[in-house]
Amino acid sequence: MARIETVQLVDDLDGAAADETVAFALDGKLFEIDLNATNAATFRDKLAPFVSAARTAGGSRRARRRDAAAAAGSTEARRHNQAVRVWARANGYSVSERGRIPAEVVEAYREHGSGTSTSAPEKAAPTTRPQTAQFSG
């Protein structure tokens, strides 16, 4: 059964559709707030005098900004990877629960109709280590 879920960010101030998640810190606590473009600009404008007078604290922390498209894209990517894992296991491939999916598995998934087929793969399931032959002298 196929299922499509949509992630929609809602502005935490006015309930309208949000365009991004703004991360900030105050008094040692990290915060995130979902805002539309207008409210995000207002937020940054109000903080500008304080930010320009402040100094950066140690370390380099990248601001995490997540727009609605990126949030939806990451959710879609997770669903795709899960579908590949389910298909791979049903077709004799060995894949981990987490981490990178081997390119051969993703390619086989695409070649076999993106999960519509549960027939066995044409080639043997890839192993994590190459097998070596032992010769006796």
Protein backbone atom coordinates (compact mmCIF):
# COMPACT_ATOMS: atom_id res chain seq x y z
CA MET A 1 0.00 0.00 0.00
CA ALA A 2 1.39 3.40 -0.95
CA ARG A 3 1.10 6.35 1.35
CA ILE A 4 2.04 9.98 0.82
CA GLU A 5 2.44 12.27 3.79
CA THR A 6 2.88 16.01 3.55
CA VAL A 7 4.80 18.09 6.07
CA GLN A 8 3.48 21.61 6.36
CA LEU A 9 5.22 24.14 8.56
CA VAL A 10 2.87 26.51 10.39
CA ASP A 11 4.02 29.93 11.61
CA ASP A 12 4.24 29.75 15.39
CA LEU A 13 3.13 33.39 15.75
CA ASP A 14 0.16 33.81 13.46
CA GLY A 15 -0.80 30.31 12.28
CA ALA A 16 -0.15 31.05 8.59
CA ALA A 17 1.99 28.78 6.40
CA ALA A 18 5.63 29.00 7.54
CA ASP A 19 8.53 29.29 5.12
CA GLU A 20 11.40 28.32 7.39
CA THR A 21 12.53 27.21 10.82
CA VAL A 22 14.70 29.81 12.57
CA ALA A 23 17.13 28.55 15.21
CA PHE A 24 18.50 30.85 17.91
CA ALA A 25 19.97 30.71 21.39
CA LEU A 26 19.31 32.84 24.45
CA ASP A 27 20.71 32.43 27.96
CA GLY A 28 22.36 29.16 26.98
CA LYS A 29 19.18 27.57 25.66
CA LEU A 30 18.65 26.66 22.01
CA PHE A 31 15.30 27.49 20.43
CA GLU A 32 13.62 26.89 17.08
CA ILE A 33 10.60 28.71 15.72
CA ASP A 34 8.71 28.18 12.47
CA LEU A 35 8.04 31.50 10.74
CA ASN A 36 6.77 32.85 7.44
CA ALA A 37 9.10 35.16 5.47
CA THR A 38 7.60 38.36 6.90
CA ASN A 39 7.81 37.25 10.53
CA ALA A 40 11.33 35.86 10.01
CA ALA A 41 12.47 39.22 8.58
CA THR A 42 10.85 41.06 11.50
CA PHE A 43 12.55 38.70 13.98
CA ARG A 44 15.95 39.31 12.38
CA ASP A 45 15.38 43.08 12.15
CA LYS A 46 14.47 43.30 15.85
CA LEU A 47 17.58 41.32 16.83
CA ALA A 48 19.93 43.17 14.44
CA PRO A 49 21.07 45.90 16.91
CA PHE A 50 21.89 43.25 19.52
CA VAL A 51 23.62 40.94 17.06
CA SER A 52 25.76 43.74 15.61
CA ALA A 53 26.93 44.74 19.12
CA ALA A 54 27.55 41.14 20.25
CA ARG A 55 30.62 38.97 19.84
CA THR A 56 30.46 35.35 18.71
CA ALA A 57 30.89 32.72 21.37
CA GLY A 58 33.50 29.97 20.96
CA GLY A 59 33.13 27.34 18.31
CA SER A 60 31.48 27.64 14.96
CA ARG A 61 27.90 26.57 15.05
CA ARG A 62 26.07 26.53 11.77
CA ALA A 63 22.58 27.96 11.88
CA ARG A 64 20.00 25.30 11.07
CA ARG A 65 17.42 26.69 8.73
CA ARG A 66 14.86 24.33 7.37
CA ASP A 67 12.44 25.50 4.77
CA ALA A 68 9.21 23.69 3.97
CA ALA A 69 10.63 22.12 0.79
CA ALA A 70 13.70 20.76 2.58
CA ALA A 71 11.57 19.31 5.36
CA ALA A 72 9.33 17.58 2.84
CA GLY A 73 12.36 16.40 0.84
CA SER A 74 14.05 14.79 3.82
CA THR A 75 10.82 13.02 4.79
CA GLU A 76 10.43 11.79 1.22
CA ALA A 77 14.04 10.57 1.17
CA ARG A 78 13.51 8.61 4.39
CA ARG A 79 10.40 6.97 2.95
CA HIS A 80 12.24 6.11 -0.26
CA ASN A 81 15.14 4.56 1.66
CA GLN A 82 12.74 2.53 3.79
CA ALA A 83 10.97 1.28 0.66
CA VAL A 84 14.33 0.27 -0.85
CA ARG A 85 15.26 -1.61 2.35
CA VAL A 86 11.94 -3.49 2.42
CA TRP A 87 12.23 -4.39 -1.27
CA ALA A 88 15.88 -5.41 -0.88
CA ARG A 89 15.16 -7.79 2.00
CA ALA A 90 12.22 -9.33 0.12
CA ASN A 91 14.54 -9.91 -2.82
CA GLY A 92 17.47 -11.51 -1.04
CA TYR A 93 19.71 -8.52 -0.42
CA SER A 94 21.25 -7.92 2.98
CA VAL A 95 20.85 -4.29 4.09
CA SER A 96 21.27 -2.66 7.47
CA GLU A 97 18.50 -0.91 9.36
CA ARG A 98 20.36 2.39 9.21
CA GLY A 99 23.13 4.00 7.22
CA ARG A 100 23.97 4.15 3.55
CA ILE A 101 22.28 1.72 1.20
CA PRO A 102 24.78 0.19 -1.27
CA ALA A 103 24.51 1.65 -4.78
CA GLU A 104 24.01 -1.83 -6.28
CA VAL A 105 20.90 -2.33 -4.15
CA VAL A 106 19.42 1.05 -5.09
CA GLU A 107 20.19 0.36 -8.77
CA ALA A 108 18.54 -3.08 -8.60
CA TYR A 109 15.50 -1.50 -6.91
CA ARG A 110 15.17 1.00 -9.75
CA GLU A 111 15.73 -1.64 -12.46
CA HIS A 112 13.01 -3.89 -11.03
CA GLY A 113 10.28 -1.28 -11.23
CA SER A 114 10.92 0.63 -7.99
CA GLY A 115 9.59 -2.00 -5.70
CA THR A 116 6.70 -3.28 -7.78
CA SER A 117 8.39 -6.62 -8.31
CA THR A 118 9.30 -9.07 -5.61
CA SER A 119 11.11 -11.46 -7.91
CA ALA A 120 14.61 -12.47 -6.98
CA PRO A 121 17.41 -10.30 -8.31
CA GLU A 122 19.23 -11.52 -11.39
CA LYS A 123 22.57 -11.43 -9.63
CA ALA A 124 23.48 -12.78 -6.23
CA ALA A 125 23.02 -10.50 -3.27
CA PRO A 126 26.09 -8.34 -2.70
CA THR A 127 28.20 -9.11 0.33
CA THR A 128 30.02 -6.63 2.48
CA ARG A 129 33.37 -8.38 1.94
CA PRO A 130 34.76 -9.85 -1.26
CA GLN A 131 35.21 -13.59 -1.07
CA THR A 132 38.71 -14.91 -1.59
CA ALA A 133 39.65 -18.29 -2.93
CA GLN A 134 42.10 -20.41 -0.96
CA PHE A 135 44.63 -22.45 -2.87
CA SER A 136 46.58 -25.29 -1.40
CA GLY A 137 50.01 -25.66 -2.66
